[in-house]
Amino acid sequence: MSGSMSDIRTAPGTRQRTKARGGYGSAYRGGLAMWAAVGQRISGMVIYIFLLVHVADNLMLRVSPDAYDEVITSYKTIVMAIGEIGLVAALLGHALNGVRIVLIDLWGNGPRYARPMLWAVVALWVALMLPFFARHLSHYI
């Protein structure tokens, strides 16, 4: 079936005919929007893993306060500071892109402004992350 036409959903209630390899259409065609979708999923998993670790180290306080103090002390290193920057980057990116996705889904003109909203998310993320990055690393350097 190579080169055949297939239906893919592009928006609620609409279909688009596409010619795709193997007869299967794909909404992912590369570009920034695809990477935003991939980043949304990856950042969601990073946040989930952080929450599991956070709960585990807080439970350690009940088991052994000395072990808890040792773990917290290990968090005060440059490596963990970089990890914290990554966590804040994931949280901020996930939140901003999530608002963009909600606007695309619920606002009537959302799909029309999807690309400009994506660029606004990227610009806002950079504008918020740069000062945080500098301030956070200033505690360790």
Protein backbone atom coordinates (compact mmCIF):
# COMPACT_ATOMS: atom_id res chain seq x y z
CA MET A 1 0.00 0.00 0.00
CA SER A 2 2.96 2.32 -0.31
CA GLY A 3 1.92 5.75 -1.49
CA SER A 4 -1.81 5.30 -0.90
CA MET A 5 -4.13 7.99 0.43
CA SER A 6 -5.25 7.84 4.07
CA ASP A 7 -7.42 9.88 6.41
CA ILE A 8 -5.96 11.55 9.47
CA ARG A 9 -7.66 13.72 12.02
CA THR A 10 -6.35 17.28 12.04
CA ALA A 11 -8.90 18.95 14.30
CA PRO A 12 -12.03 17.80 16.11
CA GLY A 13 -14.61 16.75 13.54
CA THR A 14 -12.39 17.26 10.46
CA ARG A 15 -10.37 14.95 8.29
CA GLN A 16 -7.54 15.60 5.90
CA ARG A 17 -6.49 13.35 3.05
CA THR A 18 -2.76 12.76 2.98
CA LYS A 19 -0.43 10.65 0.96
CA ALA A 20 1.89 8.89 3.36
CA ARG A 21 4.26 5.95 3.29
CA GLY A 22 2.46 2.72 3.97
CA GLY A 23 -0.92 4.44 3.83
CA TYR A 24 -0.65 5.79 7.34
CA GLY A 25 -0.94 9.53 8.00
CA SER A 26 0.84 11.30 10.80
CA ALA A 27 0.13 14.57 12.55
CA TYR A 28 3.85 14.87 13.32
CA ARG A 29 5.62 16.41 10.40
CA GLY A 30 8.68 17.78 12.16
CA GLY A 31 9.33 21.34 13.16
CA LEU A 32 8.88 23.23 16.39
CA ALA A 33 5.29 22.08 17.04
CA MET A 34 6.34 18.43 16.98
CA TRP A 35 9.21 19.11 19.38
CA ALA A 36 6.83 21.01 21.67
CA ALA A 37 4.60 17.91 21.82
CA VAL A 38 7.60 15.66 22.50
CA GLY A 39 8.88 18.11 25.13
CA GLN A 40 5.47 18.16 26.80
CA ARG A 41 5.58 14.41 27.26
CA ILE A 42 9.21 14.31 28.40
CA SER A 43 8.76 17.18 30.85
CA GLY A 44 5.68 15.45 32.26
CA MET A 45 7.74 12.32 32.95
CA VAL A 46 10.59 14.36 34.50
CA ILE A 47 8.12 16.09 36.83
CA TYR A 48 6.55 12.74 37.76
CA ILE A 49 9.95 11.20 38.58
CA PHE A 50 10.86 14.26 40.64
CA LEU A 51 7.65 13.93 42.64
CA LEU A 52 8.42 10.27 43.37
CA VAL A 53 11.93 11.15 44.58
CA HIS A 54 10.59 14.08 46.59
CA VAL A 55 8.05 11.90 48.39
CA ALA A 56 10.69 9.21 49.00
CA ASP A 57 13.22 11.59 50.55
CA ASN A 58 10.53 13.19 52.73
CA LEU A 59 9.46 9.74 53.94
CA MET A 60 13.09 9.15 54.89
CA LEU A 61 12.72 11.86 57.54
CA ARG A 62 10.36 9.59 59.47
CA VAL A 63 12.67 6.57 59.15
CA SER A 64 16.01 8.21 59.95
CA PRO A 65 16.51 11.95 60.47
CA ASP A 66 20.31 11.47 60.15
CA ALA A 67 19.96 9.78 56.76
CA TYR A 68 17.57 12.55 55.70
CA ASP A 69 20.14 15.21 56.69
CA GLU A 70 22.81 13.36 54.70
CA VAL A 71 20.61 13.25 51.60
CA ILE A 72 19.70 16.93 51.90
CA THR A 73 23.40 17.80 52.25
CA SER A 74 24.13 15.91 49.02
CA TYR A 75 21.55 18.12 47.29
CA LYS A 76 23.71 21.21 47.97
CA THR A 77 26.19 20.51 45.16
CA ILE A 78 26.69 22.12 41.75
CA VAL A 79 25.49 18.94 40.04
CA MET A 80 22.20 19.08 41.94
CA ALA A 81 21.95 22.83 41.23
CA ILE A 82 22.08 22.05 37.52
CA GLY A 83 19.47 19.33 38.09
CA GLU A 84 17.26 21.86 39.86
CA ILE A 85 17.61 24.21 36.90
CA GLY A 86 16.53 21.34 34.65
CA LEU A 87 13.55 20.67 36.90
CA VAL A 88 12.46 24.31 36.88
CA ALA A 89 12.94 24.39 33.09
CA ALA A 90 10.72 21.31 32.75
CA LEU A 91 8.06 22.68 35.11
CA LEU A 92 7.96 26.08 33.43
CA GLY A 93 7.97 24.66 29.91
CA HIS A 94 5.29 22.12 30.77
CA ALA A 95 3.08 24.78 32.35
CA LEU A 96 3.44 27.35 29.56
CA ASN A 97 2.97 24.81 26.79
CA GLY A 98 0.00 23.35 28.69
CA VAL A 99 -1.71 26.74 28.68
CA ARG A 100 -1.01 26.99 24.94
CA ILE A 101 -2.56 23.56 24.35
CA VAL A 102 -5.66 24.50 26.37
CA LEU A 103 -6.03 27.70 24.32
CA ILE A 104 -5.69 25.75 21.07
CA ASP A 105 -8.32 23.25 22.21
CA LEU A 106 -10.86 25.60 23.79
CA TRP A 107 -10.47 28.95 22.02
CA GLY A 108 -12.22 29.20 18.65
CA ASN A 109 -9.22 30.92 17.04
CA GLY A 110 -6.69 28.74 18.87
CA PRO A 111 -5.66 26.60 15.89
CA ARG A 112 -5.15 29.73 13.77
CA TYR A 113 -2.76 31.21 16.35
CA ALA A 114 -1.05 27.95 17.35
CA ARG A 115 2.31 28.86 15.78
CA PRO A 116 2.49 32.45 17.16
CA MET A 117 1.46 31.13 20.59
CA LEU A 118 4.24 28.54 20.39
CA TRP A 119 6.79 31.25 19.66
CA ALA A 120 5.36 33.30 22.53
CA VAL A 121 5.79 30.29 24.84
CA VAL A 122 9.41 29.88 23.72
CA ALA A 123 10.14 33.60 24.21
CA LEU A 124 8.45 33.71 27.63
CA TRP A 125 10.27 30.52 28.71
CA VAL A 126 13.65 32.00 27.75
CA ALA A 127 12.79 35.37 29.36
CA LEU A 128 11.92 33.64 32.64
CA MET A 129 14.66 31.00 32.63
CA LEU A 130 17.65 33.28 31.99
CA PRO A 131 17.29 35.31 35.21
CA PHE A 132 16.48 32.16 37.21
CA PHE A 133 19.54 30.40 35.76
CA ALA A 134 21.84 33.29 36.69
CA ARG A 135 20.37 33.76 40.17
CA HIS A 136 20.32 30.08 41.03
CA LEU A 137 23.90 29.41 39.94
CA SER A 138 25.11 32.51 41.79
CA HIS A 139 24.53 30.57 45.05
CA TYR A 140 27.05 27.92 43.98
CA ILE A 141 29.75 29.92 42.18
